[in-house]
């Protein structure tokens, strides 16, 4: 019986993980309200066969499948039409304009001043007067656009030409060479071995982490090099 319960638990765990994976990669804080409700219902349904002995696995699998299909349909519909997306997900609400609180919108969203100040601090904003616009997004997050005089100076402001940003690829993680990186950058394993040998590394197991940028410059941290 215990082994059966363990097997059932592991199977339902895989089902929930696979279902959430199909739903997308967004974090909980980025989910739309209907997506969050679906995620909560799926977790509750998966627990039913584990907490009630008379329930079979299909009592959870069928509702989970229905919820998954429903969520995918809703997501597809919301992608296709702006008006439909507004009905399903709502629209962002302006809470601050030109350094002034919009009381009516705060009351409408049941958003307290303390909540607003907390979110401003999370965005490294110390004063409401420094905010040009603050919008409460449909997923509950606060987007803040600070006054142009308060934002950090950029190279564009200083008329400085900069190179395009490059993307670093994982090359070795915990002693394992990442083959897809070699394929993406069209590199040979022998070339990597030679570069590592120049750094005194003869085996991938000596490497805790290594990355490579667009200029084929390799950043390497050896295993045990920094323990704290």
Protein backbone atom coordinates (compact mmCIF):
# COMPACT_ATOMS: atom_id res chain seq x y z
CA UNK A 1 0.00 0.00 0.00
CA UNK A 2 2.82 2.37 0.89
CA UNK A 3 4.61 1.65 -2.38
CA UNK A 4 1.36 2.27 -4.26
CA UNK A 5 0.92 5.63 -2.51
CA UNK A 6 4.51 6.58 -3.30
CA UNK A 7 4.05 5.63 -6.96
CA UNK A 8 0.74 7.52 -7.16
CA UNK A 9 2.29 10.61 -5.55
CA UNK A 10 5.28 10.57 -7.91
CA UNK A 11 3.04 10.10 -10.94
CA UNK A 12 0.76 13.00 -9.99
CA UNK A 13 3.83 15.13 -9.30
CA UNK A 14 5.03 14.48 -12.86
CA UNK A 15 1.55 15.26 -14.20
CA UNK A 16 1.42 18.62 -12.39
CA UNK A 17 4.97 19.55 -13.45
CA UNK A 18 4.22 18.62 -17.08
CA UNK A 19 0.94 20.55 -16.99
CA UNK A 20 2.56 23.69 -15.60
CA UNK A 21 5.35 23.32 -18.14
CA UNK A 22 2.81 23.28 -20.98
CA UNK A 23 1.15 26.38 -19.53
CA UNK A 24 4.39 28.32 -19.95
CA UNK A 25 7.49 29.54 -18.14
CA UNK A 26 6.10 32.56 -16.35
CA UNK A 27 6.58 32.88 -12.60
CA UNK A 28 3.65 33.08 -10.17
CA UNK A 29 3.96 36.87 -9.96
CA UNK A 30 3.68 37.14 -13.74
CA UNK A 31 0.52 35.04 -14.13
CA UNK A 32 -2.73 36.62 -15.19
CA UNK A 33 -5.59 36.12 -12.68
CA UNK A 34 -7.25 33.32 -14.70
CA UNK A 35 -3.89 31.56 -15.06
CA UNK A 36 -3.25 31.76 -11.33
CA UNK A 37 -6.70 30.28 -10.61
CA UNK A 38 -6.01 27.39 -12.99
CA UNK A 39 -2.64 26.72 -11.33
CA UNK A 40 -4.24 26.65 -7.87
CA UNK A 41 -7.07 24.35 -9.02
CA UNK A 42 -4.62 21.94 -10.66
CA UNK A 43 -2.62 21.63 -7.44
CA UNK A 44 -5.80 21.02 -5.44
CA UNK A 45 -7.11 18.41 -7.89
CA UNK A 46 -3.80 16.53 -7.83
CA UNK A 47 -4.08 16.22 -4.04
CA UNK A 48 -7.55 14.61 -4.09
CA UNK A 49 -6.48 11.01 -4.93
CA UNK A 50 -3.76 11.26 -2.28
CA UNK A 51 -6.01 12.47 0.53
CA UNK A 52 -9.08 10.35 -0.25
CA UNK A 53 -8.55 6.60 -0.56
CA UNK A 54 -11.75 6.01 -2.53
CA UNK A 55 -10.68 8.35 -5.32
CA UNK A 56 -8.86 7.00 -8.35
CA UNK A 57 -6.13 8.78 -10.26
CA UNK A 58 -8.44 9.49 -13.20
CA UNK A 59 -10.64 11.54 -10.84
CA UNK A 60 -7.77 14.05 -10.86
CA UNK A 61 -6.39 13.51 -14.37
CA UNK A 62 -9.64 14.27 -16.23
CA UNK A 63 -10.33 17.62 -14.47
CA UNK A 64 -6.66 18.59 -14.83
CA UNK A 65 -6.80 17.86 -18.56
CA UNK A 66 -10.01 19.92 -18.89
CA UNK A 67 -8.43 22.84 -17.02
CA UNK A 68 -5.28 22.65 -19.14
CA UNK A 69 -7.23 22.68 -22.41
CA UNK A 70 -9.42 25.53 -21.12
CA UNK A 71 -6.36 27.56 -20.13
CA UNK A 72 -4.69 27.01 -23.51
CA UNK A 73 -7.88 28.07 -25.31
CA UNK A 74 -8.15 31.22 -23.16
CA UNK A 75 -4.50 32.05 -23.78
CA UNK A 76 -4.91 31.56 -27.53
CA UNK A 77 -8.01 33.76 -27.58
CA UNK A 78 -6.31 36.49 -25.57
CA UNK A 79 -3.35 36.49 -27.97
CA UNK A 80 -5.59 36.89 -31.02
CA UNK A 81 -7.57 39.95 -29.99
CA UNK A 82 -6.76 43.10 -28.01
CA UNK A 83 -10.38 43.69 -26.99
CA UNK A 84 -10.82 40.10 -25.89
CA UNK A 85 -7.54 40.27 -23.97
CA UNK A 86 -8.79 43.34 -22.13
CA UNK A 87 -11.99 41.52 -21.16
CA UNK A 88 -10.12 38.44 -19.92
CA UNK A 89 -7.06 40.05 -18.35
CA UNK A 90 -8.20 43.63 -17.76
CA UNK A 91 -6.18 46.78 -18.47
CA UNK A 92 -3.30 48.45 -16.62
CA UNK A 93 -4.39 51.14 -14.18
CA UNK A 94 -2.55 54.44 -13.77
CA UNK A 95 -1.86 55.13 -10.07
CA UNK A 96 0.60 58.04 -10.30
CA UNK A 97 0.78 60.77 -12.91
CA UNK A 98 3.44 63.51 -12.84
CA UNK A 99 4.24 62.85 -9.19
CA UNK A 100 0.59 62.94 -8.05
CA UNK A 101 -1.48 60.08 -6.61
CA UNK A 102 -4.68 59.26 -8.46
CA UNK A 103 -7.03 58.65 -5.54
CA UNK A 104 -9.95 57.35 -7.59
CA UNK A 105 -7.82 54.68 -9.27
CA UNK A 106 -6.24 53.67 -5.96
CA UNK A 107 -9.69 53.11 -4.45
CA UNK A 108 -10.90 51.29 -7.56
CA UNK A 109 -8.03 48.80 -7.34
CA UNK A 110 -8.21 48.66 -3.51
CA UNK A 111 -4.53 49.59 -3.49
CA UNK A 112 -3.37 51.29 -0.29
CA UNK A 113 -0.78 54.05 -0.16
CA UNK A 114 1.41 51.78 1.97
CA UNK A 115 1.29 49.08 -0.73
CA UNK A 116 2.21 51.68 -3.33
CA UNK A 117 5.13 53.06 -1.32
CA UNK A 118 6.41 49.54 -0.73
CA UNK A 119 6.37 48.78 -4.45
CA UNK A 120 8.11 52.07 -5.21
CA UNK A 121 10.90 51.11 -2.82
CA UNK A 122 11.20 47.77 -4.61
CA UNK A 123 11.78 49.86 -7.76
CA UNK A 124 14.46 51.93 -5.95
CA UNK A 125 12.24 55.03 -5.87
CA UNK A 126 12.31 57.00 -2.63
CA UNK A 127 9.71 59.68 -3.30
CA UNK A 128 6.40 59.87 -5.16
CA UNK A 129 7.42 63.22 -6.64
CA UNK A 130 10.21 61.43 -8.55
CA UNK A 131 7.65 59.30 -10.42
CA UNK A 132 6.40 60.39 -13.83
CA UNK A 133 4.01 57.45 -14.21
CA UNK A 134 3.22 54.35 -12.15
CA UNK A 135 0.93 51.69 -13.60
CA UNK A 136 -0.59 48.69 -11.89
CA UNK A 137 -0.26 45.92 -14.47
CA UNK A 138 -2.89 43.24 -15.03
CA UNK A 139 -0.77 40.67 -13.18
CA UNK A 140 -0.53 42.87 -10.07
CA UNK A 141 2.99 44.16 -10.60
CA UNK A 142 3.75 47.88 -10.49
CA UNK A 143 5.57 49.43 -13.44
CA UNK A 144 7.36 52.68 -12.59
CA UNK A 145 8.63 55.34 -14.99
CA UNK A 146 10.70 57.87 -13.08
CA UNK A 147 11.12 61.54 -13.89
CA UNK A 148 13.73 62.11 -16.59
CA UNK A 149 15.82 64.14 -14.13
CA UNK A 150 15.90 61.23 -11.68
CA UNK A 151 16.71 58.33 -13.97
CA UNK A 152 20.33 57.06 -14.22
CA UNK A 153 22.54 58.65 -16.86
CA UNK A 154 22.90 56.50 -19.99
CA UNK A 155 25.63 56.45 -22.66
CA UNK A 156 23.09 57.98 -25.03
CA UNK A 157 22.72 60.95 -22.68
CA UNK A 158 26.49 61.44 -22.78
CA UNK A 159 26.68 60.93 -26.56
CA UNK A 160 28.93 57.90 -26.10
CA UNK A 161 28.93 55.16 -28.74
CA UNK A 162 28.81 51.66 -27.28
CA UNK A 163 29.10 48.19 -28.73
CA UNK A 164 25.99 45.98 -28.96
CA UNK A 165 25.40 43.77 -25.94
CA UNK A 166 26.62 40.21 -26.34
CA UNK A 167 25.03 37.05 -25.00
CA UNK A 168 27.18 34.65 -22.98
CA UNK A 169 26.58 30.94 -23.48
CA UNK A 170 27.02 28.26 -20.83
CA UNK A 171 30.00 26.14 -21.81
CA UNK A 172 30.61 23.91 -18.80
CA UNK A 173 28.31 23.45 -15.82
CA UNK A 174 29.48 21.42 -12.84
CA UNK A 175 32.07 19.56 -14.90
CA UNK A 176 29.75 18.79 -17.83
CA UNK A 177 30.44 20.18 -21.31
CA UNK A 178 27.30 21.67 -22.89
CA UNK A 179 27.13 20.17 -26.38
CA UNK A 180 24.40 22.48 -27.69
CA UNK A 181 26.69 25.48 -27.06
CA UNK A 182 29.32 23.97 -29.33
CA UNK A 183 26.68 23.42 -32.00
CA UNK A 184 25.27 26.95 -31.67
CA UNK A 185 28.68 28.61 -31.94
CA UNK A 186 30.04 26.04 -34.41
CA UNK A 187 32.99 25.17 -32.17
CA UNK A 188 35.05 22.01 -31.95
CA UNK A 189 35.57 20.14 -28.72
CA UNK A 190 39.30 20.10 -29.45
CA UNK A 191 39.34 23.90 -29.54
CA UNK A 192 37.73 24.04 -26.10
CA UNK A 193 40.20 21.47 -24.76
CA UNK A 194 43.10 23.55 -26.04
CA UNK A 195 41.79 26.74 -24.43
CA UNK A 196 41.29 24.96 -21.12
CA UNK A 197 44.75 23.42 -21.32
CA UNK A 198 46.22 26.93 -21.63
CA UNK A 199 44.60 27.66 -18.26
CA UNK A 200 46.06 24.52 -16.71
CA UNK A 201 42.81 22.54 -16.91
CA UNK A 202 43.08 19.02 -18.25
CA UNK A 203 39.66 17.65 -17.32
CA UNK A 204 36.15 19.12 -17.39
CA UNK A 205 35.58 17.87 -13.84
CA UNK A 206 38.01 20.56 -12.67
CA UNK A 207 35.60 23.25 -13.87
CA UNK A 208 32.71 24.41 -11.71
CA UNK A 209 31.38 26.83 -14.34
CA UNK A 210 32.55 28.20 -17.69
CA UNK A 211 30.90 30.51 -20.21
CA UNK A 212 31.84 31.83 -23.62
CA UNK A 213 30.85 35.11 -25.31
CA UNK A 214 30.47 36.12 -28.94
CA UNK A 215 34.19 36.90 -29.19
CA UNK A 216 34.99 33.32 -28.09
CA UNK A 217 36.39 34.61 -24.82
CA UNK A 218 36.05 31.97 -22.11
CA UNK A 219 35.31 32.75 -18.46
CA UNK A 220 36.25 29.88 -16.16
CA UNK A 221 35.79 29.26 -12.46
CA UNK A 222 37.54 26.16 -11.21
CA UNK A 223 35.91 23.77 -8.78
CA UNK A 224 36.76 24.72 -5.20
CA UNK A 225 38.27 28.04 -6.25
CA UNK A 226 35.78 30.10 -4.24
CA UNK A 227 33.96 28.21 -1.53
CA UNK A 228 32.41 31.20 0.27
